[in-house]
N, C-alpha and C. Protein backbone atom coordinates (compact mmCIF):
# COMPACT_ATOMS: atom_id res chain seq x y z
N UNK A 1 122.63 90.59 112.26
CA UNK A 1 121.11 91.62 112.64
C UNK A 1 122.32 91.72 114.46
N UNK A 2 122.39 90.89 114.84
CA UNK A 2 123.21 91.58 116.18
C UNK A 2 123.60 89.66 116.93
N UNK A 3 124.27 89.64 117.81
CA UNK A 3 124.62 89.04 118.83
C UNK A 3 124.96 89.24 120.47
N UNK A 4 124.78 88.74 121.79
CA UNK A 4 125.43 89.26 122.49
C UNK A 4 125.00 88.03 124.15
N UNK A 5 125.80 88.33 124.55
CA UNK A 5 126.63 86.62 125.70
C UNK A 5 126.53 86.87 127.14
N UNK A 6 125.21 86.59 127.62
CA UNK A 6 124.89 87.41 129.48
C UNK A 6 124.17 86.80 129.67
N UNK A 7 124.49 86.46 131.77
CA UNK A 7 124.13 86.31 132.89
C UNK A 7 122.02 87.20 132.68
N UNK A 8 121.12 85.44 132.78
CA UNK A 8 120.28 86.08 132.38
C UNK A 8 119.54 86.27 134.05
N UNK A 9 118.64 86.97 134.95
CA UNK A 9 118.61 87.24 135.97
C UNK A 9 117.41 86.26 136.33
N UNK A 10 116.38 85.91 135.49
CA UNK A 10 115.05 85.25 136.05
C UNK A 10 114.87 84.09 135.72
N UNK A 11 116.31 83.76 134.45
CA UNK A 11 115.98 83.11 133.19
C UNK A 11 115.19 83.10 131.94
N UNK A 12 115.13 84.10 131.60
CA UNK A 12 113.64 84.52 130.90
C UNK A 12 114.29 85.52 130.08
N UNK A 13 114.22 84.81 128.40
CA UNK A 13 114.52 86.53 126.92
C UNK A 13 113.33 86.37 126.80
N UNK A 14 112.94 87.86 126.43
CA UNK A 14 111.60 88.38 125.74
C UNK A 14 111.80 89.03 124.92
N UNK A 15 111.23 88.29 123.34
CA UNK A 15 111.10 88.93 122.01
C UNK A 15 110.05 89.56 121.85
N UNK A 16 109.70 90.66 121.67
CA UNK A 16 108.42 91.91 121.74
C UNK A 16 108.23 92.83 120.61
N UNK A 17 107.17 93.08 120.25
CA UNK A 17 106.99 94.57 119.64
C UNK A 17 107.53 95.68 121.50
N UNK A 18 107.87 96.87 120.80
CA UNK A 18 108.08 97.32 121.43
C UNK A 18 107.32 97.79 122.63
N UNK A 19 105.68 98.07 121.82
CA UNK A 19 104.49 98.59 122.38
C UNK A 19 103.59 97.48 122.72
N UNK A 20 104.40 96.21 123.13
CA UNK A 20 103.42 94.86 123.31
C UNK A 20 103.14 95.40 124.96
N UNK A 21 101.93 94.93 124.95
CA UNK A 21 101.13 94.89 126.03
C UNK A 21 100.83 93.25 126.73
N UNK A 22 101.39 92.58 126.09
CA UNK A 22 101.44 91.06 127.08
C UNK A 22 102.10 90.71 127.92
N UNK A 23 101.53 89.49 128.64
CA UNK A 23 101.41 89.87 130.16
C UNK A 23 102.19 87.98 130.56
N UNK A 24 101.40 87.13 129.29
CA UNK A 24 101.96 85.97 129.33
C UNK A 24 101.52 85.30 131.29
N UNK A 25 100.20 85.92 131.48
CA UNK A 25 99.93 85.36 132.50
C UNK A 25 100.39 84.22 132.98
N UNK A 26 99.28 83.53 132.08
CA UNK A 26 98.95 82.00 131.70
C UNK A 26 99.90 81.18 131.68
N UNK A 27 101.30 81.19 131.99
CA UNK A 27 102.77 80.82 130.67
C UNK A 27 103.13 79.71 132.50
N UNK A 28 103.45 79.03 132.07
CA UNK A 28 104.00 77.81 133.60
C UNK A 28 105.27 77.78 132.70
N UNK A 29 105.98 77.99 133.30
CA UNK A 29 107.43 77.86 132.40
C UNK A 29 107.37 76.27 132.72
N UNK A 30 107.44 75.63 134.01
CA UNK A 30 107.77 74.44 134.38
C UNK A 30 107.71 73.69 133.11
N UNK A 31 106.62 73.86 132.40
CA UNK A 31 105.36 73.00 131.65
C UNK A 31 105.75 73.09 130.31
N UNK A 32 106.09 73.79 129.28
CA UNK A 32 106.48 74.80 128.83
C UNK A 32 107.61 75.80 128.49
N UNK A 33 108.64 75.50 127.53
CA UNK A 33 109.58 76.25 127.92
C UNK A 33 109.85 77.61 126.37
N UNK A 34 108.52 77.59 125.91
CA UNK A 34 108.46 78.63 125.03
C UNK A 34 107.12 79.31 125.41
N UNK A 35 106.40 79.93 125.22
CA UNK A 35 105.20 80.78 125.13
C UNK A 35 104.87 81.98 124.55
N UNK A 36 103.86 81.43 123.43
CA UNK A 36 103.60 82.55 122.43
C UNK A 36 102.38 83.44 121.70
N UNK A 37 102.43 84.66 122.33
CA UNK A 37 101.58 85.64 121.75
C UNK A 37 101.66 86.50 121.10
N UNK A 38 100.76 87.05 120.37
CA UNK A 38 100.13 87.69 118.69
C UNK A 38 101.47 88.26 118.58
N UNK A 39 102.34 89.53 119.51
CA UNK A 39 103.21 90.44 119.80
C UNK A 39 104.14 90.33 120.82
N UNK A 40 104.10 89.06 120.78
CA UNK A 40 105.46 89.23 121.53
C UNK A 40 105.89 87.40 122.30
N UNK A 41 107.12 87.17 122.68
CA UNK A 41 107.73 85.50 122.46
C UNK A 41 108.12 85.49 124.38
N UNK A 42 108.02 85.05 125.05
CA UNK A 42 108.86 84.13 126.37
C UNK A 42 109.39 83.02 125.65
N UNK A 43 110.85 83.20 126.04
CA UNK A 43 111.69 82.09 126.36
C UNK A 43 112.55 81.79 127.41
N UNK A 44 112.42 80.51 127.55
CA UNK A 44 113.25 80.10 128.73
C UNK A 44 114.21 79.82 128.90
N UNK A 45 115.68 80.19 129.24
CA UNK A 45 116.48 80.79 128.82
C UNK A 45 117.88 80.09 130.43
N UNK A 46 118.83 79.60 130.94
CA UNK A 46 119.76 79.07 131.39
C UNK A 46 119.46 80.30 132.87
N UNK A 47 119.44 79.93 133.90
CA UNK A 47 119.15 80.91 134.97
C UNK A 47 120.85 81.63 135.63
N UNK A 48 120.54 82.39 136.15
CA UNK A 48 121.93 83.88 135.87
C UNK A 48 122.92 82.48 136.84
N UNK A 49 123.11 82.00 137.80
CA UNK A 49 123.55 80.40 138.88
C UNK A 49 124.16 79.48 137.20
N UNK A 50 123.31 79.53 136.73
CA UNK A 50 123.01 78.02 135.55
C UNK A 50 124.80 78.53 134.50
N UNK A 51 125.07 79.87 134.52
CA UNK A 51 125.80 80.18 132.47
C UNK A 51 125.51 81.36 132.22
N UNK A 52 126.19 81.09 131.34
CA UNK A 52 126.21 82.33 129.59
C UNK A 52 125.03 81.80 128.76
N UNK A 53 124.56 82.79 128.89
CA UNK A 53 122.96 82.47 127.07
C UNK A 53 123.91 82.91 125.94
N UNK A 54 124.04 82.77 124.98
CA UNK A 54 123.93 83.38 124.20
C UNK A 54 123.45 83.72 123.08
N UNK A 55 123.28 84.79 122.43
CA UNK A 55 121.78 84.73 122.11
C UNK A 55 122.19 85.48 120.53
N UNK A 56 121.68 84.81 119.33
CA UNK A 56 121.99 85.91 118.11
C UNK A 56 121.32 85.87 117.16
N UNK A 57 120.80 87.17 116.51
CA UNK A 57 119.73 87.19 116.10
C UNK A 57 119.98 87.79 113.89
N UNK A 58 119.23 87.14 113.81
CA UNK A 58 120.04 87.17 112.14
C UNK A 58 119.07 87.24 111.25
N UNK A 59 119.18 87.44 110.04
CA UNK A 59 118.36 87.67 108.81
C UNK A 59 118.46 85.85 108.40
N UNK A 60 117.39 85.95 107.27
CA UNK A 60 117.84 84.33 106.50
C UNK A 60 119.05 83.49 107.01
N UNK A 61 118.94 82.72 105.73
CA UNK A 61 119.10 80.95 106.39
C UNK A 61 118.56 80.13 107.29
N UNK A 62 118.97 78.78 106.73
CA UNK A 62 118.76 77.96 107.66
C UNK A 62 118.70 76.92 108.91
N UNK A 63 118.44 76.33 109.37
CA UNK A 63 118.62 76.21 110.56
C UNK A 63 119.31 75.40 110.58
N UNK A 64 120.48 75.23 112.30
CA UNK A 64 121.57 75.97 112.53
C UNK A 64 121.31 73.64 113.14
N UNK A 65 122.54 73.18 112.39
CA UNK A 65 122.28 71.24 112.83
C UNK A 65 122.19 70.83 113.97
N UNK A 66 123.21 71.67 114.53
CA UNK A 66 123.43 71.75 116.32
C UNK A 66 122.10 71.96 116.81
N UNK A 67 121.15 72.68 116.55
CA UNK A 67 119.99 73.41 117.15
C UNK A 67 118.75 73.19 117.38
N UNK A 68 117.90 73.48 118.12
CA UNK A 68 116.02 72.27 117.61
C UNK A 68 115.40 73.69 117.52
N UNK A 69 114.79 73.52 116.55
CA UNK A 69 113.48 74.12 116.52
C UNK A 69 112.68 74.52 116.93
N UNK A 70 112.77 75.23 118.35
CA UNK A 70 111.25 74.98 118.85
C UNK A 70 110.29 76.58 118.56
N UNK A 71 110.31 77.23 117.49
CA UNK A 71 109.11 78.18 117.56
C UNK A 71 109.50 78.49 115.06
N UNK A 72 108.20 78.43 114.59
CA UNK A 72 108.59 78.96 113.63
C UNK A 72 107.03 79.07 113.16
N UNK A 73 107.14 80.27 113.24
CA UNK A 73 105.29 81.29 112.90
C UNK A 73 105.80 83.01 112.57
N UNK A 74 104.92 82.99 113.35
CA UNK A 74 104.42 85.06 112.95
C UNK A 74 105.07 85.40 114.13
N UNK A 75 105.19 86.33 113.82
CA UNK A 75 105.35 87.56 115.66
C UNK A 75 105.14 88.74 114.83
N UNK A 76 103.97 89.82 115.13
CA UNK A 76 103.24 90.68 115.10
C UNK A 76 104.20 91.90 114.99
N UNK A 77 104.86 92.77 114.08
CA UNK A 77 105.55 93.90 114.98
C UNK A 77 105.00 95.22 114.49
N UNK A 78 104.00 95.95 115.28
CA UNK A 78 103.19 96.54 114.32
C UNK A 78 103.72 98.56 115.00
N UNK A 79 104.71 98.39 115.95
CA UNK A 79 105.27 99.21 115.53
C UNK A 79 107.04 99.95 114.99
N UNK A 80 107.60 98.21 114.67
CA UNK A 80 108.60 98.62 113.40
C UNK A 80 109.76 97.89 113.91
N UNK A 81 109.89 97.95 116.11
CA UNK A 81 110.43 98.00 116.81
C UNK A 81 110.41 97.15 117.21
N UNK A 82 111.54 95.60 117.34
CA UNK A 82 111.60 94.44 117.33
C UNK A 82 112.36 94.75 118.56
N UNK A 83 112.55 94.06 120.05
CA UNK A 83 112.79 94.39 120.79
C UNK A 83 112.92 93.22 121.50
N UNK A 84 114.66 92.74 122.52
CA UNK A 84 115.61 91.49 122.52
C UNK A 84 115.44 92.05 124.25
N UNK A 85 115.23 91.36 124.76
CA UNK A 85 115.59 91.85 125.75
C UNK A 85 115.41 91.16 127.35
N UNK A 86 116.24 91.36 128.79
CA UNK A 86 115.53 90.56 129.78
C UNK A 86 114.30 91.43 130.74
N UNK A 87 113.95 90.51 132.02
CA UNK A 87 113.40 91.57 132.71
C UNK A 87 114.19 92.31 133.73
N UNK A 88 115.40 92.36 133.62
CA UNK A 88 115.87 93.61 134.79
C UNK A 88 115.98 94.41 134.28
N UNK A 89 116.46 94.62 132.94
CA UNK A 89 116.35 95.49 131.56
C UNK A 89 118.55 95.56 132.03
N UNK A 90 119.03 94.51 132.57
CA UNK A 90 120.21 94.63 131.62
C UNK A 90 120.83 94.59 130.64
N UNK A 91 119.79 94.28 129.34
CA UNK A 91 120.25 93.89 127.61
C UNK A 91 118.46 94.62 127.21
N UNK A 92 118.95 95.32 126.22
CA UNK A 92 117.26 95.39 125.78
C UNK A 92 117.93 96.16 124.64
N UNK A 93 117.83 95.12 123.30
CA UNK A 93 118.11 95.37 121.65
C UNK A 93 117.42 95.46 121.24
N UNK A 94 117.46 96.71 120.54
CA UNK A 94 116.47 97.12 119.50
C UNK A 94 116.12 96.72 118.18
N UNK A 95 115.51 96.48 116.96
CA UNK A 95 116.07 95.76 115.84
C UNK A 95 115.18 96.58 114.77
N UNK A 96 114.91 97.42 113.97
CA UNK A 96 113.80 98.21 113.10
C UNK A 96 113.62 97.46 112.35
N UNK A 97 113.10 97.38 111.48
CA UNK A 97 112.13 96.14 110.77
C UNK A 97 110.70 97.18 110.37
N UNK A 98 110.75 96.04 109.07
CA UNK A 98 109.26 96.56 108.35
C UNK A 98 108.41 96.15 109.91
N UNK A 99 107.33 97.28 109.57
CA UNK A 99 106.28 96.91 110.88
C UNK A 99 104.51 96.57 110.08
N UNK A 100 103.91 95.54 110.73
CA UNK A 100 103.51 94.09 110.56
C UNK A 100 103.68 92.59 110.90
N UNK A 101 103.37 91.78 110.37
CA UNK A 101 103.68 89.74 110.88
C UNK A 101 104.84 90.43 109.86
N UNK A 102 106.02 89.46 110.80
CA UNK A 102 107.07 89.05 110.00
C UNK A 102 106.96 87.50 110.46
N UNK A 103 107.91 87.28 109.74
CA UNK A 103 108.26 85.36 109.76
C UNK A 103 109.19 85.64 111.39
N UNK A 104 109.88 84.12 111.85
CA UNK A 104 110.03 83.56 112.46
C UNK A 104 110.22 82.63 113.09
N UNK A 105 112.43 82.59 113.69
CA UNK A 105 111.95 80.96 113.99
C UNK A 105 113.34 81.29 115.21
N UNK A 106 113.16 80.12 115.65
CA UNK A 106 113.81 80.04 117.02
C UNK A 106 114.22 79.29 117.82
N UNK A 107 115.71 78.76 117.81
CA UNK A 107 116.16 77.88 117.72
C UNK A 107 117.03 77.67 118.83
N UNK A 108 117.53 77.00 119.47
CA UNK A 108 117.78 76.46 120.82
C UNK A 108 118.26 75.13 121.30
N UNK A 109 119.55 75.71 121.93
CA UNK A 109 120.50 74.04 122.05
C UNK A 109 119.89 73.24 123.49
N UNK A 110 118.77 73.63 123.77
CA UNK A 110 118.42 72.63 124.81
C UNK A 110 116.87 73.48 125.56
N UNK A 111 115.54 72.91 125.04
CA UNK A 111 114.37 73.64 125.33
C UNK A 111 114.77 73.44 126.99
N UNK A 112 113.98 74.66 127.85
CA UNK A 112 113.35 75.15 128.86
C UNK A 112 114.84 75.41 129.81
N UNK A 113 115.70 75.10 129.25
CA UNK A 113 116.65 75.93 129.41
C UNK A 113 117.94 76.39 129.56
N UNK A 114 117.97 77.50 127.88
CA UNK A 114 118.68 77.34 126.64
C UNK A 114 119.62 77.62 127.06
N UNK A 115 121.38 77.59 126.25
CA UNK A 115 122.90 78.23 126.26
C UNK A 115 122.63 78.82 125.83
N UNK A 116 122.14 78.19 124.03
CA UNK A 116 123.06 78.87 123.12
C UNK A 116 121.05 78.67 122.22
N UNK A 117 120.68 80.11 121.71
CA UNK A 117 119.98 81.03 121.14
C UNK A 117 119.73 81.36 119.67
N UNK A 118 119.27 81.20 118.87
CA UNK A 118 119.33 81.93 117.34
C UNK A 118 118.32 81.98 116.99
N UNK A 119 118.01 83.22 116.52
CA UNK A 119 116.41 84.28 116.28
C UNK A 119 116.21 84.25 114.96
N UNK A 120 115.59 84.06 114.04
CA UNK A 120 115.62 83.92 113.04
C UNK A 120 114.94 84.41 111.73
N UNK A 121 115.00 85.78 111.59
CA UNK A 121 113.95 86.26 110.62
C UNK A 121 114.17 85.71 109.29
N UNK A 122 113.02 85.90 108.79
CA UNK A 122 112.88 85.23 107.13
C UNK A 122 113.53 83.86 107.01
N UNK A 123 113.29 82.76 107.77
CA UNK A 123 113.78 81.64 107.53
C UNK A 123 113.70 81.06 106.81
N UNK A 124 114.68 80.16 105.59
CA UNK A 124 114.19 79.28 104.54
C UNK A 124 114.81 77.99 105.32
N UNK A 125 113.38 78.11 105.56
CA UNK A 125 112.84 76.07 106.51
C UNK A 125 113.42 75.09 105.60
N UNK A 126 113.72 74.54 106.89
CA UNK A 126 113.91 72.57 106.27
C UNK A 126 113.45 71.90 107.85
N UNK A 127 112.50 70.98 106.82
CA UNK A 127 111.75 70.64 108.03
C UNK A 127 111.39 68.77 108.45
N UNK A 128 113.36 69.00 109.29
CA UNK A 128 113.67 68.35 109.80
C UNK A 128 114.09 68.89 111.04
N UNK A 129 113.23 67.75 112.13
CA UNK A 129 114.06 68.41 113.73
C UNK A 129 112.90 69.59 114.84
N UNK A 130 112.28 69.97 114.06
CA UNK A 130 111.33 71.12 114.37
C UNK A 130 110.23 70.50 115.08
N UNK A 131 109.60 71.58 115.85
CA UNK A 131 108.81 71.57 116.98
C UNK A 131 107.45 72.61 117.10
N UNK A 132 106.47 73.39 116.44
CA UNK A 132 105.33 73.71 116.09
C UNK A 132 105.26 74.22 117.58
N UNK A 133 105.25 75.59 117.95
CA UNK A 133 104.38 76.11 119.28
C UNK A 133 103.75 77.17 118.63
N UNK A 134 102.39 77.32 119.38
CA UNK A 134 101.78 78.83 119.66
C UNK A 134 100.32 78.43 120.17
């Protein structure tokens, strides 16, 4: 589906329906590296000064052995447009997918300050080293 590498000004990767209005106001990134709402997910990644983050968005497959699953569940994409972006608009990748509920898993190398992120639609689940957040 797609991939990119970049510095994240505020250490935040946002995954959301293009019409999401979620703000994640109650989330404290120092307590949890991920926050999940109905149609959006906030994920802590490396801050700009700490290095580049590699993000991969793929369809299907099994979790990578060198990454840790931090989310395995659903996201509502009512618009049919799934957006992966940073907070300041340096990148905004839009993926056209089926409208409705999508199965999604997120894998990272280091929860809380990830430098590698895999966003996997329609994952083939293997239940080893998984943690579930919702």
